[in-house]
Amino acid sequence: MILIELMLALTVALFLLLVLPVVLLMAGIAGVVLLWVVAPVAVVALVAFWLIFPAFHSTAAVLLLIVVALFLLERRSKYRVYRGP
């Protein structure tokens, strides 16, 4: 019985060693494509700023909030309805 359990454990380990790198690669590619399509350049620049200068994480967070607020204000101003004089 122990031999069957060891064979099953080896099969599961082999399966994980073969499949896990492929799944991680697909997830990484999907993340890069999603970042490329969805994220604006300003957010990517802020993340790069945060990674390059980790001591200024609060500054990066404030800049990110300002950029998001500006995007929201711009979107809101586009849909303003003219109500007349």
C-alpha atoms as a PDB file:
ATOM      1  CA  MET A   1       0.000   0.000   0.000  1.00  0.00           C
ATOM      2  CA  ILE A   2       2.830   2.401   0.820  1.00  0.00           C
ATOM      3  CA  LEU A   3       4.308   1.798  -2.633  1.00  0.00           C
ATOM      4  CA  ILE A   4       1.059   2.863  -4.287  1.00  0.00           C
ATOM      5  CA  GLU A   5       0.953   6.026  -2.179  1.00  0.00           C
ATOM      6  CA  LEU A   6       4.554   6.861  -3.061  1.00  0.00           C
ATOM      7  CA  MET A   7       3.834   6.351  -6.758  1.00  0.00           C
ATOM      8  CA  LEU A   8       0.790   8.604  -6.486  1.00  0.00           C
ATOM      9  CA  ALA A   9       2.839  11.272  -4.697  1.00  0.00           C
ATOM     10  CA  LEU A  10       5.534  11.083  -7.373  1.00  0.00           C
ATOM     11  CA  THR A  11       2.919  11.363 -10.103  1.00  0.00           C
ATOM     12  CA  VAL A  12       1.370  14.425  -8.482  1.00  0.00           C
ATOM     13  CA  ALA A  13       4.794  16.013  -7.974  1.00  0.00           C
ATOM     14  CA  LEU A  14       5.772  15.349 -11.586  1.00  0.00           C
ATOM     15  CA  PHE A  15       2.471  16.761 -12.812  1.00  0.00           C
ATOM     16  CA  LEU A  16       2.948  19.916 -10.746  1.00  0.00           C
ATOM     17  CA  LEU A  17       6.537  20.334 -11.909  1.00  0.00           C
ATOM     18  CA  LEU A  18       5.415  20.088 -15.514  1.00  0.00           C
ATOM     19  CA  VAL A  19       2.220  22.134 -15.358  1.00  0.00           C
ATOM     20  CA  LEU A  20       3.032  24.853 -12.801  1.00  0.00           C
ATOM     21  CA  PRO A  21       5.670  26.687 -14.897  1.00  0.00           C
ATOM     22  CA  VAL A  22       3.311  26.768 -17.880  1.00  0.00           C
ATOM     23  CA  VAL A  23       0.460  28.140 -15.754  1.00  0.00           C
ATOM     24  CA  LEU A  24       2.732  30.773 -14.218  1.00  0.00           C
ATOM     25  CA  LEU A  25       3.992  31.775 -17.653  1.00  0.00           C
ATOM     26  CA  MET A  26       0.438  32.128 -18.951  1.00  0.00           C
ATOM     27  CA  ALA A  27      -0.533  34.179 -15.896  1.00  0.00           C
ATOM     28  CA  GLY A  28       2.493  36.444 -16.376  1.00  0.00           C
ATOM     29  CA  ILE A  29       1.700  36.983 -20.049  1.00  0.00           C
ATOM     30  CA  ALA A  30      -1.937  37.679 -19.219  1.00  0.00           C
ATOM     31  CA  GLY A  31      -0.877  40.169 -16.560  1.00  0.00           C
ATOM     32  CA  VAL A  32       1.421  41.993 -18.953  1.00  0.00           C
ATOM     33  CA  VAL A  33      -1.245  42.132 -21.654  1.00  0.00           C
ATOM     34  CA  LEU A  34      -3.818  43.385 -19.157  1.00  0.00           C
ATOM     35  CA  LEU A  35      -1.397  46.015 -17.900  1.00  0.00           C
ATOM     36  CA  TRP A  36      -0.634  47.057 -21.465  1.00  0.00           C
ATOM     37  CA  VAL A  37      -4.289  47.328 -22.480  1.00  0.00           C
ATOM     38  CA  VAL A  38      -5.989  48.647 -19.352  1.00  0.00           C
ATOM     39  CA  ALA A  39      -3.521  50.692 -17.323  1.00  0.00           C
ATOM     40  CA  PRO A  40      -2.765  54.235 -18.412  1.00  0.00           C
ATOM     41  CA  VAL A  41       0.822  55.335 -18.777  1.00  0.00           C
ATOM     42  CA  ALA A  42       0.646  57.539 -15.697  1.00  0.00           C
ATOM     43  CA  VAL A  43      -0.185  54.639 -13.397  1.00  0.00           C
ATOM     44  CA  VAL A  44       2.638  52.541 -14.838  1.00  0.00           C
ATOM     45  CA  ALA A  45       5.015  55.473 -14.353  1.00  0.00           C
ATOM     46  CA  LEU A  46       3.894  55.827 -10.743  1.00  0.00           C
ATOM     47  CA  VAL A  47       4.432  52.129 -10.092  1.00  0.00           C
ATOM     48  CA  ALA A  48       7.902  52.388 -11.624  1.00  0.00           C
ATOM     49  CA  PHE A  49       8.585  55.459  -9.471  1.00  0.00           C
ATOM     50  CA  TRP A  50       7.453  53.520  -6.407  1.00  0.00           C
ATOM     51  CA  LEU A  51       9.700  50.569  -7.277  1.00  0.00           C
ATOM     52  CA  ILE A  52      12.736  52.722  -8.043  1.00  0.00           C
ATOM     53  CA  PHE A  53      12.349  54.972  -4.988  1.00  0.00           C
ATOM     54  CA  PRO A  54      10.721  52.779  -2.321  1.00  0.00           C
ATOM     55  CA  ALA A  55      11.395  55.314   0.452  1.00  0.00           C
ATOM     56  CA  PHE A  56       8.899  57.694  -1.162  1.00  0.00           C
ATOM     57  CA  HIS A  57       5.954  55.289  -1.116  1.00  0.00           C
ATOM     58  CA  SER A  58       3.640  57.868   0.438  1.00  0.00           C
ATOM     59  CA  THR A  59       4.536  60.364  -2.295  1.00  0.00           C
ATOM     60  CA  ALA A  60       3.798  57.748  -4.953  1.00  0.00           C
ATOM     61  CA  ALA A  61       0.461  56.970  -3.302  1.00  0.00           C
ATOM     62  CA  VAL A  62      -0.496  60.647  -3.216  1.00  0.00           C
ATOM     63  CA  LEU A  63       0.496  61.077  -6.867  1.00  0.00           C
ATOM     64  CA  LEU A  64      -1.538  57.994  -7.781  1.00  0.00           C
ATOM     65  CA  LEU A  65      -4.582  59.414  -5.993  1.00  0.00           C
ATOM     66  CA  ILE A  66      -4.128  62.753  -7.779  1.00  0.00           C
ATOM     67  CA  VAL A  67      -3.884  61.049 -11.174  1.00  0.00           C
ATOM     68  CA  VAL A  68      -6.983  58.941 -10.512  1.00  0.00           C
ATOM     69  CA  ALA A  69      -8.877  62.046  -9.351  1.00  0.00           C
ATOM     70  CA  LEU A  70      -7.854  63.918 -12.506  1.00  0.00           C
ATOM     71  CA  PHE A  71      -9.024  61.031 -14.692  1.00  0.00           C
ATOM     72  CA  LEU A  72     -12.366  60.985 -12.878  1.00  0.00           C
ATOM     73  CA  LEU A  73     -12.774  64.748 -13.198  1.00  0.00           C
ATOM     74  CA  GLU A  74     -11.958  64.602 -16.894  1.00  0.00           C
ATOM     75  CA  ARG A  75     -14.453  61.818 -17.480  1.00  0.00           C
ATOM     76  CA  ARG A  76     -17.095  63.666 -15.497  1.00  0.00           C
ATOM     77  CA  SER A  77     -16.568  66.913 -17.396  1.00  0.00           C
ATOM     78  CA  LYS A  78     -17.010  65.154 -20.761  1.00  0.00           C
ATOM     79  CA  TYR A  79     -20.543  64.059 -19.880  1.00  0.00           C
ATOM     80  CA  ARG A  80     -21.774  67.422 -18.590  1.00  0.00           C
ATOM     81  CA  VAL A  81     -25.148  68.296 -20.041  1.00  0.00           C
ATOM     82  CA  TYR A  82     -25.771  71.796 -21.333  1.00  0.00           C
ATOM     83  CA  ARG A  83     -28.923  73.098 -19.657  1.00  0.00           C
ATOM     84  CA  GLY A  84     -29.139  76.449 -21.366  1.00  0.00           C
ATOM     85  CA  PRO A  85     -29.047  80.037 -20.039  1.00  0.00           C
END
